[in-house]
Amino acid sequence: MQKPKKVGVALSSRESAQLVFEACQKVFQRQKIVLVVQKKLDAQEVRQNKEFLQSDIIICFGGDGSFLKMAQAIQKPVPVFLVGTGERNYLSTIRAEEAPKKIEEILQGKYRIEKRNRLTSNLPDSPLALNEIAIVPQPSA
């Protein structure tokens, strides 16, 4: 795989996410990577950060919810990795304790891409989804 030059970092507000990201800072510095950090993971906020969306790869430090919010905003194919720092981490590709080592490998181009399908609906203004679409009344129960 290609070595990334610009990495988008989606950073959850969880303390655990902040700590794991800090532990990985030296790896990014050694590899001379340009980081674009997105701290607000709301889909609308992410959509407005064009520089973040133009990253070569995106690494999310957080849990499944942070990952799903961030991924909803991404409209183009880009490799995305989740460093699981949440409670469940079903969707994570990297465990928190192995993050510096795995990120070093990713930055050296040592990763493989697994394509995933996204869900869409025919409803107006509905975003792309990763794992589910729910139809609920306005306001939700």
N, C-alpha and C. Protein backbone atom coordinates (compact mmCIF):
# COMPACT_ATOMS: atom_id res chain seq x y z
N MET A 1 0.83 -1.19 0.00
CA MET A 1 0.00 0.00 0.00
C MET A 1 0.88 1.26 0.00
N GLN A 2 0.25 2.33 -0.33
CA GLN A 2 0.93 3.61 -0.40
C GLN A 2 1.13 4.21 1.00
N LYS A 3 2.29 4.82 1.23
CA LYS A 3 2.55 5.47 2.50
C LYS A 3 1.81 6.81 2.53
N PRO A 4 1.03 7.03 3.59
CA PRO A 4 0.28 8.30 3.66
C PRO A 4 1.20 9.47 4.03
N LYS A 5 0.86 10.63 3.49
CA LYS A 5 1.59 11.86 3.83
C LYS A 5 0.78 12.74 4.77
N LYS A 6 -0.55 12.71 4.55
CA LYS A 6 -1.45 13.51 5.39
C LYS A 6 -2.46 12.56 6.03
N VAL A 7 -2.53 12.60 7.37
CA VAL A 7 -3.41 11.72 8.13
C VAL A 7 -4.45 12.55 8.85
N GLY A 8 -5.70 12.20 8.64
CA GLY A 8 -6.78 12.80 9.39
C GLY A 8 -6.94 12.05 10.70
N VAL A 9 -7.00 12.77 11.79
CA VAL A 9 -7.19 12.16 13.10
C VAL A 9 -8.53 12.63 13.65
N ALA A 10 -9.45 11.70 13.80
CA ALA A 10 -10.74 11.98 14.43
C ALA A 10 -10.56 11.63 15.91
N LEU A 11 -10.67 12.62 16.77
CA LEU A 11 -10.31 12.46 18.17
C LEU A 11 -11.52 12.64 19.08
N SER A 12 -11.93 11.56 19.71
CA SER A 12 -13.03 11.60 20.66
C SER A 12 -12.64 12.46 21.87
N SER A 13 -13.64 12.97 22.56
CA SER A 13 -13.36 13.76 23.77
C SER A 13 -13.08 12.88 24.98
N ARG A 14 -13.22 11.57 24.85
CA ARG A 14 -12.92 10.66 25.95
C ARG A 14 -11.47 10.82 26.40
N GLU A 15 -11.25 10.77 27.68
CA GLU A 15 -9.88 10.87 28.21
C GLU A 15 -9.01 9.73 27.69
N SER A 16 -9.57 8.54 27.59
CA SER A 16 -8.80 7.39 27.10
C SER A 16 -8.33 7.62 25.66
N ALA A 17 -9.17 8.24 24.83
CA ALA A 17 -8.79 8.53 23.45
C ALA A 17 -7.65 9.55 23.41
N GLN A 18 -7.75 10.57 24.25
CA GLN A 18 -6.71 11.60 24.30
C GLN A 18 -5.37 10.99 24.71
N LEU A 19 -5.39 10.11 25.71
CA LEU A 19 -4.15 9.49 26.19
C LEU A 19 -3.50 8.59 25.14
N VAL A 20 -4.30 7.81 24.44
CA VAL A 20 -3.75 6.92 23.41
C VAL A 20 -3.19 7.75 22.25
N PHE A 21 -3.90 8.81 21.87
CA PHE A 21 -3.40 9.70 20.82
C PHE A 21 -2.06 10.31 21.22
N GLU A 22 -1.95 10.78 22.46
CA GLU A 22 -0.68 11.35 22.94
C GLU A 22 0.45 10.31 22.88
N ALA A 23 0.13 9.06 23.20
CA ALA A 23 1.14 8.00 23.14
C ALA A 23 1.61 7.74 21.71
N CYS A 24 0.80 8.11 20.73
CA CYS A 24 1.14 7.89 19.32
C CYS A 24 1.81 9.10 18.67
N GLN A 25 1.87 10.21 19.36
CA GLN A 25 2.42 11.45 18.78
C GLN A 25 3.85 11.27 18.26
N LYS A 26 4.69 10.56 19.00
CA LYS A 26 6.09 10.37 18.57
C LYS A 26 6.16 9.61 17.25
N VAL A 27 5.26 8.66 17.06
CA VAL A 27 5.23 7.90 15.82
C VAL A 27 4.94 8.84 14.65
N PHE A 28 3.95 9.69 14.79
CA PHE A 28 3.61 10.64 13.72
C PHE A 28 4.78 11.59 13.45
N GLN A 29 5.42 12.06 14.51
CA GLN A 29 6.55 12.98 14.34
C GLN A 29 7.73 12.32 13.64
N ARG A 30 8.06 11.08 14.04
CA ARG A 30 9.17 10.35 13.41
C ARG A 30 8.95 10.15 11.92
N GLN A 31 7.71 9.90 11.55
CA GLN A 31 7.38 9.65 10.14
C GLN A 31 7.14 10.94 9.36
N LYS A 32 7.22 12.10 10.05
CA LYS A 32 7.02 13.41 9.43
C LYS A 32 5.66 13.50 8.71
N ILE A 33 4.65 13.08 9.43
CA ILE A 33 3.28 13.06 8.90
C ILE A 33 2.59 14.39 9.20
N VAL A 34 1.87 14.90 8.23
CA VAL A 34 1.02 16.07 8.45
C VAL A 34 -0.28 15.55 9.05
N LEU A 35 -0.62 16.06 10.24
CA LEU A 35 -1.85 15.65 10.92
C LEU A 35 -2.92 16.73 10.78
N VAL A 36 -4.12 16.29 10.50
CA VAL A 36 -5.28 17.18 10.51
C VAL A 36 -6.22 16.60 11.55
N VAL A 37 -6.30 17.27 12.70
CA VAL A 37 -7.06 16.75 13.84
C VAL A 37 -8.47 17.34 13.83
N GLN A 38 -9.45 16.46 13.91
CA GLN A 38 -10.86 16.84 14.00
C GLN A 38 -11.36 16.40 15.36
N LYS A 39 -11.69 17.37 16.23
CA LYS A 39 -12.12 17.03 17.59
C LYS A 39 -13.62 16.91 17.74
N LYS A 40 -14.38 17.67 16.98
CA LYS A 40 -15.84 17.56 17.04
C LYS A 40 -16.25 16.52 16.00
N LEU A 41 -16.80 15.39 16.45
CA LEU A 41 -17.07 14.28 15.55
C LEU A 41 -18.50 14.23 15.04
N ASP A 42 -19.25 15.28 15.26
CA ASP A 42 -20.58 15.40 14.68
C ASP A 42 -20.44 15.43 13.15
N ALA A 43 -21.29 14.70 12.44
CA ALA A 43 -21.17 14.58 10.98
C ALA A 43 -21.13 15.94 10.29
N GLN A 44 -21.96 16.89 10.73
CA GLN A 44 -21.97 18.21 10.09
C GLN A 44 -20.64 18.94 10.29
N GLU A 45 -20.08 18.84 11.49
CA GLU A 45 -18.79 19.47 11.77
C GLU A 45 -17.69 18.85 10.91
N VAL A 46 -17.71 17.54 10.79
CA VAL A 46 -16.68 16.84 10.00
C VAL A 46 -16.80 17.23 8.53
N ARG A 47 -18.03 17.30 8.00
CA ARG A 47 -18.24 17.66 6.60
C ARG A 47 -17.67 19.04 6.26
N GLN A 48 -17.62 19.92 7.23
CA GLN A 48 -17.12 21.27 6.98
C GLN A 48 -15.59 21.34 6.96
N ASN A 49 -14.92 20.33 7.47
CA ASN A 49 -13.45 20.32 7.51
C ASN A 49 -12.92 19.65 6.25
N LYS A 50 -12.82 20.42 5.18
CA LYS A 50 -12.40 19.89 3.87
C LYS A 50 -10.99 19.30 3.93
N GLU A 51 -10.10 19.94 4.66
CA GLU A 51 -8.73 19.43 4.76
C GLU A 51 -8.70 18.04 5.39
N PHE A 52 -9.49 17.84 6.44
CA PHE A 52 -9.61 16.53 7.08
C PHE A 52 -10.11 15.48 6.10
N LEU A 53 -11.15 15.83 5.34
CA LEU A 53 -11.76 14.90 4.40
C LEU A 53 -10.85 14.57 3.22
N GLN A 54 -9.82 15.37 2.98
CA GLN A 54 -8.88 15.13 1.88
C GLN A 54 -7.63 14.39 2.36
N SER A 55 -7.66 13.83 3.55
CA SER A 55 -6.52 13.09 4.08
C SER A 55 -6.31 11.79 3.29
N ASP A 56 -5.06 11.32 3.30
CA ASP A 56 -4.73 10.06 2.63
C ASP A 56 -5.34 8.87 3.37
N ILE A 57 -5.34 8.93 4.69
CA ILE A 57 -6.01 7.94 5.54
C ILE A 57 -6.61 8.69 6.72
N ILE A 58 -7.53 8.02 7.41
CA ILE A 58 -8.13 8.61 8.61
C ILE A 58 -8.01 7.59 9.74
N ILE A 59 -7.55 8.08 10.89
CA ILE A 59 -7.47 7.25 12.09
C ILE A 59 -8.36 7.88 13.14
N CYS A 60 -9.31 7.11 13.63
CA CYS A 60 -10.24 7.58 14.65
C CYS A 60 -9.82 7.00 16.00
N PHE A 61 -9.62 7.87 16.96
CA PHE A 61 -9.32 7.47 18.34
C PHE A 61 -10.62 7.65 19.13
N GLY A 62 -11.29 6.55 19.45
CA GLY A 62 -12.55 6.64 20.17
C GLY A 62 -13.25 5.29 20.19
N GLY A 63 -14.54 5.34 20.41
CA GLY A 63 -15.34 4.12 20.44
C GLY A 63 -16.17 3.98 19.19
N ASP A 64 -17.04 2.99 19.19
CA ASP A 64 -17.88 2.72 18.02
C ASP A 64 -18.75 3.92 17.66
N GLY A 65 -19.32 4.59 18.65
CA GLY A 65 -20.18 5.74 18.39
C GLY A 65 -19.42 6.88 17.72
N SER A 66 -18.22 7.17 18.21
CA SER A 66 -17.39 8.22 17.61
C SER A 66 -17.08 7.87 16.16
N PHE A 67 -16.74 6.60 15.95
CA PHE A 67 -16.40 6.14 14.60
C PHE A 67 -17.59 6.28 13.65
N LEU A 68 -18.77 5.87 14.09
CA LEU A 68 -19.95 5.93 13.23
C LEU A 68 -20.33 7.37 12.91
N LYS A 69 -20.23 8.27 13.88
CA LYS A 69 -20.53 9.69 13.63
C LYS A 69 -19.57 10.27 12.60
N MET A 70 -18.28 9.98 12.78
CA MET A 70 -17.26 10.50 11.87
C MET A 70 -17.42 9.90 10.48
N ALA A 71 -17.65 8.60 10.41
CA ALA A 71 -17.73 7.91 9.12
C ALA A 71 -18.93 8.36 8.30
N GLN A 72 -19.98 8.81 8.98
CA GLN A 72 -21.17 9.27 8.27
C GLN A 72 -20.85 10.46 7.37
N ALA A 73 -19.86 11.24 7.73
CA ALA A 73 -19.52 12.44 6.97
C ALA A 73 -18.60 12.16 5.78
N ILE A 74 -17.96 11.02 5.77
CA ILE A 74 -16.99 10.71 4.72
C ILE A 74 -17.74 10.20 3.49
N GLN A 75 -17.57 10.88 2.38
CA GLN A 75 -18.29 10.53 1.16
C GLN A 75 -17.41 9.86 0.11
N LYS A 76 -16.10 9.94 0.22
CA LYS A 76 -15.23 9.34 -0.79
C LYS A 76 -14.48 8.14 -0.19
N PRO A 77 -14.02 7.24 -1.04
CA PRO A 77 -13.27 6.09 -0.53
C PRO A 77 -11.93 6.53 0.08
N VAL A 78 -11.72 6.20 1.33
CA VAL A 78 -10.46 6.51 2.02
C VAL A 78 -10.27 5.43 3.09
N PRO A 79 -9.05 4.93 3.25
CA PRO A 79 -8.83 3.95 4.33
C PRO A 79 -9.09 4.58 5.69
N VAL A 80 -9.88 3.90 6.52
CA VAL A 80 -10.23 4.39 7.85
C VAL A 80 -9.90 3.32 8.87
N PHE A 81 -9.22 3.72 9.94
CA PHE A 81 -8.85 2.82 11.02
C PHE A 81 -9.43 3.34 12.32
N LEU A 82 -9.91 2.44 13.18
CA LEU A 82 -10.42 2.83 14.48
C LEU A 82 -9.52 2.26 15.56
N VAL A 83 -8.96 3.15 16.37
CA VAL A 83 -8.23 2.75 17.57
C VAL A 83 -9.27 2.74 18.68
N GLY A 84 -9.62 1.55 19.14
CA GLY A 84 -10.71 1.39 20.10
C GLY A 84 -10.35 1.86 21.49
N THR A 85 -10.94 2.98 21.90
CA THR A 85 -10.74 3.49 23.25
C THR A 85 -12.08 3.65 23.97
N GLY A 86 -13.11 3.05 23.41
CA GLY A 86 -14.45 3.15 23.99
C GLY A 86 -14.74 1.97 24.90
N GLU A 87 -16.01 1.75 25.15
CA GLU A 87 -16.42 0.68 26.06
C GLU A 87 -16.53 -0.67 25.36
N ARG A 88 -17.03 -0.71 24.13
CA ARG A 88 -17.26 -1.99 23.46
C ARG A 88 -16.24 -2.28 22.36
N ASN A 89 -16.04 -1.36 21.47
CA ASN A 89 -15.03 -1.48 20.41
C ASN A 89 -15.25 -2.65 19.46
N TYR A 90 -16.50 -2.89 19.07
CA TYR A 90 -16.79 -3.95 18.11
C TYR A 90 -16.21 -3.63 16.73
N LEU A 91 -16.18 -2.35 16.39
CA LEU A 91 -15.76 -1.94 15.06
C LEU A 91 -14.26 -1.62 14.96
N SER A 92 -13.56 -1.66 16.06
CA SER A 92 -12.16 -1.22 16.04
C SER A 92 -11.26 -2.20 15.29
N THR A 93 -10.28 -1.63 14.62
CA THR A 93 -9.28 -2.41 13.91
C THR A 93 -7.97 -2.48 14.71
N ILE A 94 -7.85 -1.59 15.69
CA ILE A 94 -6.61 -1.51 16.49
C ILE A 94 -6.99 -1.38 17.96
N ARG A 95 -6.43 -2.26 18.80
CA ARG A 95 -6.64 -2.13 20.24
C ARG A 95 -5.76 -0.99 20.77
N ALA A 96 -6.23 -0.31 21.80
CA ALA A 96 -5.53 0.85 22.35
C ALA A 96 -4.09 0.53 22.74
N GLU A 97 -3.87 -0.62 23.37
CA GLU A 97 -2.53 -0.94 23.86
C GLU A 97 -1.53 -1.23 22.74
N GLU A 98 -2.01 -1.53 21.55
CA GLU A 98 -1.10 -1.81 20.43
C GLU A 98 -1.04 -0.65 19.43
N ALA A 99 -1.67 0.47 19.75
CA ALA A 99 -1.82 1.59 18.81
C ALA A 99 -0.49 2.12 18.27
N PRO A 100 0.52 2.46 19.11
CA PRO A 100 1.75 3.01 18.51
C PRO A 100 2.40 2.06 17.50
N LYS A 101 2.46 0.79 17.82
CA LYS A 101 3.08 -0.19 16.92
C LYS A 101 2.28 -0.33 15.62
N LYS A 102 0.97 -0.46 15.71
CA LYS A 102 0.13 -0.64 14.53
C LYS A 102 0.11 0.61 13.66
N ILE A 103 0.10 1.78 14.29
CA ILE A 103 0.10 3.02 13.52
C ILE A 103 1.43 3.18 12.79
N GLU A 104 2.51 2.80 13.42
CA GLU A 104 3.82 2.82 12.75
C GLU A 104 3.77 1.97 11.48
N GLU A 105 3.18 0.78 11.56
CA GLU A 105 3.05 -0.10 10.40
C GLU A 105 2.18 0.53 9.31
N ILE A 106 1.08 1.13 9.71
CA ILE A 106 0.19 1.78 8.75
C ILE A 106 0.92 2.90 8.03
N LEU A 107 1.67 3.71 8.77
CA LEU A 107 2.38 4.84 8.18
C LEU A 107 3.50 4.39 7.24
N GLN A 108 3.94 3.15 7.40
CA GLN A 108 4.94 2.58 6.49
C GLN A 108 4.29 1.90 5.30
N GLY A 109 2.97 1.97 5.22
CA GLY A 109 2.24 1.37 4.11
C GLY A 109 1.94 -0.11 4.30
N LYS A 110 2.14 -0.61 5.52
CA LYS A 110 1.90 -2.03 5.80
C LYS A 110 0.48 -2.23 6.33
N TYR A 111 -0.47 -2.17 5.42
CA TYR A 111 -1.86 -2.44 5.75
C TYR A 111 -2.55 -2.95 4.49
N ARG A 112 -3.68 -3.57 4.66
CA ARG A 112 -4.47 -4.01 3.52
C ARG A 112 -5.87 -3.41 3.63
N ILE A 113 -6.44 -3.20 2.50
CA ILE A 113 -7.76 -2.58 2.46
C ILE A 113 -8.82 -3.66 2.31
N GLU A 114 -9.83 -3.59 3.18
CA GLU A 114 -11.02 -4.44 3.06
C GLU A 114 -12.17 -3.52 2.72
N LYS A 115 -12.73 -3.69 1.54
CA LYS A 115 -13.83 -2.83 1.13
C LYS A 115 -15.10 -3.21 1.87
N ARG A 116 -15.85 -2.21 2.27
CA ARG A 116 -17.12 -2.40 2.97
C ARG A 116 -18.22 -1.69 2.19
N ASN A 117 -19.39 -2.28 2.18
CA ASN A 117 -20.54 -1.64 1.55
C ASN A 117 -21.16 -0.65 2.54
N ARG A 118 -21.76 0.39 1.98
CA ARG A 118 -22.48 1.34 2.81
C ARG A 118 -23.95 1.28 2.42
N LEU A 119 -24.79 1.61 3.36
CA LEU A 119 -26.24 1.59 3.15
C LEU A 119 -26.71 2.97 2.72
N THR A 120 -27.72 2.98 1.90
CA THR A 120 -28.34 4.24 1.52
C THR A 120 -29.85 4.01 1.42
N SER A 121 -30.58 5.09 1.46
CA SER A 121 -32.04 4.97 1.30
C SER A 121 -32.48 5.93 0.21
N ASN A 122 -33.71 5.79 -0.21
CA ASN A 122 -34.26 6.70 -1.22
C ASN A 122 -34.94 7.90 -0.59
N LEU A 123 -34.86 8.03 0.72
CA LEU A 123 -35.47 9.17 1.40
C LEU A 123 -34.65 10.42 1.12
N PRO A 124 -35.30 11.57 0.98
CA PRO A 124 -34.55 12.80 0.71
C PRO A 124 -33.62 13.16 1.87
N ASP A 125 -32.44 13.63 1.54
CA ASP A 125 -31.44 14.10 2.51
C ASP A 125 -30.99 13.04 3.50
N SER A 126 -31.10 11.77 3.15
CA SER A 126 -30.64 10.74 4.09
C SER A 126 -29.15 10.48 3.84
N PRO A 127 -28.36 10.42 4.92
CA PRO A 127 -26.93 10.20 4.77
C PRO A 127 -26.60 8.74 4.50
N LEU A 128 -25.38 8.49 4.06
CA LEU A 128 -24.90 7.11 3.95
C LEU A 128 -24.76 6.54 5.34
N ALA A 129 -24.90 5.24 5.47
CA ALA A 129 -24.79 4.59 6.78
C ALA A 129 -23.85 3.39 6.67
N LEU A 130 -23.28 2.99 7.80
CA LEU A 130 -22.38 1.84 7.82
C LEU A 130 -23.06 0.56 8.26
N ASN A 131 -23.85 0.63 9.32
CA ASN A 131 -24.38 -0.63 9.84
C ASN A 131 -25.89 -0.69 10.01
N GLU A 132 -26.58 0.43 9.94
CA GLU A 132 -28.03 0.39 10.08
C GLU A 132 -28.64 1.71 9.68
N ILE A 133 -29.90 1.62 9.28
CA ILE A 133 -30.72 2.80 9.04
C ILE A 133 -31.99 2.60 9.85
N ALA A 134 -32.36 3.60 10.63
CA ALA A 134 -33.57 3.51 11.43
C ALA A 134 -34.55 4.58 10.97
N ILE A 135 -35.80 4.21 10.90
CA ILE A 135 -36.86 5.17 10.57
C ILE A 135 -37.65 5.37 11.85
N VAL A 136 -37.62 6.60 12.34
CA VAL A 136 -38.27 6.92 13.62
C VAL A 136 -39.13 8.16 13.45
N PRO A 137 -40.16 8.31 14.29
CA PRO A 137 -40.99 9.52 14.20
C PRO A 137 -40.19 10.75 14.60
N GLN A 138 -40.69 11.88 14.18
CA GLN A 138 -40.03 13.15 14.52
C GLN A 138 -40.73 13.70 15.73
N PRO A 139 -40.45 13.90 16.86
CA PRO A 139 -39.26 13.54 17.60
C PRO A 139 -39.23 12.05 17.97
N SER A 140 -38.06 11.55 18.13
CA SER A 140 -37.86 10.14 18.43
C SER A 140 -38.34 9.80 19.83
N ALA A 141 -38.78 8.57 20.01
CA ALA A 141 -39.20 8.10 21.33
C ALA A 141 -38.00 8.03 22.23
